[in-house]
């Protein structure tokens, strides 16, 4: 398998892992502060942003596909009839987070690789 394909597979698996961890921890709160949701938002968005700004920005799109694929599976109703995300502020924040990750991933498709030796804007 070529090295470029391995990078995309790795980004896809990273996206799925971050989405799973985000959904698992988004309800964690300590002393009324939703640290799990803060960590989920930070890790999801910062990873997508970092991949988009890297030397190979299209890996950010692969990350977004992995994140969104696992997030979609989790958001769908379970056989018992309940959902992994509650219809509260935390659940809606996770849905909004999905939109941000999708926007960053789509923009990564059109991002250019930086020239070697040129400063970043």
Protein backbone atom coordinates (compact mmCIF):
# COMPACT_ATOMS: atom_id res chain seq x y z
CA UNK A 1 0.00 0.00 0.00
CA UNK A 2 1.47 3.41 -0.90
CA UNK A 3 2.47 5.77 1.86
CA UNK A 4 -0.21 8.33 0.89
CA UNK A 5 -2.96 5.75 1.25
CA UNK A 6 -1.62 4.75 4.68
CA UNK A 7 -1.75 8.38 5.79
CA UNK A 8 -5.40 8.61 4.77
CA UNK A 9 -6.28 5.31 6.47
CA UNK A 10 -4.51 6.52 9.62
CA UNK A 11 -6.38 9.84 9.52
CA UNK A 12 -9.66 7.97 9.00
CA UNK A 13 -9.00 5.73 12.02
CA UNK A 14 -7.90 8.75 14.08
CA UNK A 15 -11.16 10.51 13.24
CA UNK A 16 -13.20 7.47 14.29
CA UNK A 17 -11.25 7.17 17.56
CA UNK A 18 -11.65 10.86 18.41
CA UNK A 19 -15.38 10.74 17.63
CA UNK A 20 -15.86 7.68 19.83
CA UNK A 21 -13.95 9.28 22.70
CA UNK A 22 -15.89 12.54 22.23
CA UNK A 23 -19.27 10.82 22.44
CA UNK A 24 -18.17 8.71 25.41
CA UNK A 25 -16.89 11.68 27.42
CA UNK A 26 -19.17 14.57 26.42
CA UNK A 27 -21.42 14.03 29.47
CA UNK A 28 -18.58 14.13 32.03
CA UNK A 29 -18.83 17.06 34.40
CA UNK A 30 -16.94 18.05 37.51
CA UNK A 31 -18.34 20.69 39.85
CA UNK A 32 -20.86 21.72 37.21
CA UNK A 33 -18.26 22.31 34.48
CA UNK A 34 -18.71 20.06 31.44
CA UNK A 35 -15.03 19.13 31.05
CA UNK A 36 -15.90 16.15 28.85
CA UNK A 37 -17.68 18.40 26.36
CA UNK A 38 -14.83 20.92 26.42
CA UNK A 39 -12.31 18.14 25.80
CA UNK A 40 -14.47 16.65 23.01
CA UNK A 41 -14.76 20.00 21.24
CA UNK A 42 -11.10 20.87 21.64
CA UNK A 43 -9.75 17.51 20.51
CA UNK A 44 -12.10 17.19 17.53
CA UNK A 45 -11.70 20.71 16.17
CA UNK A 46 -8.00 21.16 16.91
CA UNK A 47 -7.10 17.84 15.28
CA UNK A 48 -9.11 18.71 12.16
CA UNK A 49 -7.54 22.19 12.07
CA UNK A 50 -4.02 20.83 12.57
CA UNK A 51 -4.43 18.27 9.76
CA UNK A 52 -5.88 20.94 7.48
CA UNK A 53 -2.87 23.21 8.12
CA UNK A 54 -0.30 20.40 7.74
CA UNK A 55 1.88 19.68 4.72
CA UNK A 56 -0.80 17.24 3.48
CA UNK A 57 -4.09 19.08 4.10
CA UNK A 58 -6.29 16.49 2.40
CA UNK A 59 -5.68 14.11 5.29
CA UNK A 60 -7.97 16.48 7.18
CA UNK A 61 -10.79 15.38 4.88
CA UNK A 62 -10.05 11.73 5.68
CA UNK A 63 -10.11 12.56 9.38
CA UNK A 64 -13.51 14.22 8.94
CA UNK A 65 -14.92 11.22 7.09
CA UNK A 66 -13.83 8.89 9.88
CA UNK A 67 -15.18 11.24 12.56
CA UNK A 68 -18.49 11.69 10.79
CA UNK A 69 -18.94 8.00 9.97
CA UNK A 70 -18.56 6.90 13.57
CA UNK A 71 -20.58 9.85 14.87
CA UNK A 72 -23.44 8.99 12.49
CA UNK A 73 -23.51 5.39 13.67
CA UNK A 74 -23.61 6.54 17.29
CA UNK A 75 -26.30 9.18 16.73
CA UNK A 76 -28.74 6.76 15.09
CA UNK A 77 -31.34 5.21 17.38
CA UNK A 78 -30.37 2.01 19.17
CA UNK A 79 -32.59 -1.10 19.14
CA UNK A 80 -33.89 -0.24 22.62
CA UNK A 81 -35.29 3.01 21.23
CA UNK A 82 -32.98 5.40 23.03
CA UNK A 83 -30.06 7.50 21.80
CA UNK A 84 -26.41 7.93 22.81
CA UNK A 85 -26.87 11.72 22.72
CA UNK A 86 -29.52 13.27 24.92
CA UNK A 87 -31.74 16.11 23.69
CA UNK A 88 -30.11 18.66 25.98
CA UNK A 89 -27.46 21.36 25.68
CA UNK A 90 -24.60 18.84 25.68
CA UNK A 91 -26.22 16.72 22.96
CA UNK A 92 -26.96 19.70 20.75
CA UNK A 93 -23.42 20.98 21.29
CA UNK A 94 -22.13 17.64 19.99
CA UNK A 95 -24.35 17.96 16.91
CA UNK A 96 -22.99 21.46 16.34
CA UNK A 97 -19.48 20.09 16.78
CA UNK A 98 -20.24 17.65 13.97
CA UNK A 99 -21.08 20.55 11.69
CA UNK A 100 -17.81 22.28 12.52
CA UNK A 101 -15.80 19.11 11.82
CA UNK A 102 -17.63 18.65 8.49
CA UNK A 103 -16.92 22.28 7.52
CA UNK A 104 -13.22 21.91 8.33
CA UNK A 105 -13.06 18.62 6.43
CA UNK A 106 -14.71 20.02 3.32
CA UNK A 107 -12.42 23.04 3.40
CA UNK A 108 -9.44 20.67 3.66
CA UNK A 109 -10.34 19.27 0.24
CA UNK A 110 -9.61 22.65 -1.32
CA UNK A 111 -6.63 23.66 0.82
CA UNK A 112 -3.25 23.92 -0.84
CA UNK A 113 -0.08 22.33 0.44
CA UNK A 114 2.35 24.98 1.67
CA UNK A 115 5.44 25.66 -0.39
CA UNK A 116 8.64 24.36 1.17
CA UNK A 117 10.45 27.17 2.93
CA UNK A 118 7.59 29.68 2.71
CA UNK A 119 6.26 31.23 5.92
CA UNK A 120 2.75 30.36 7.04
CA UNK A 121 0.25 33.22 7.03
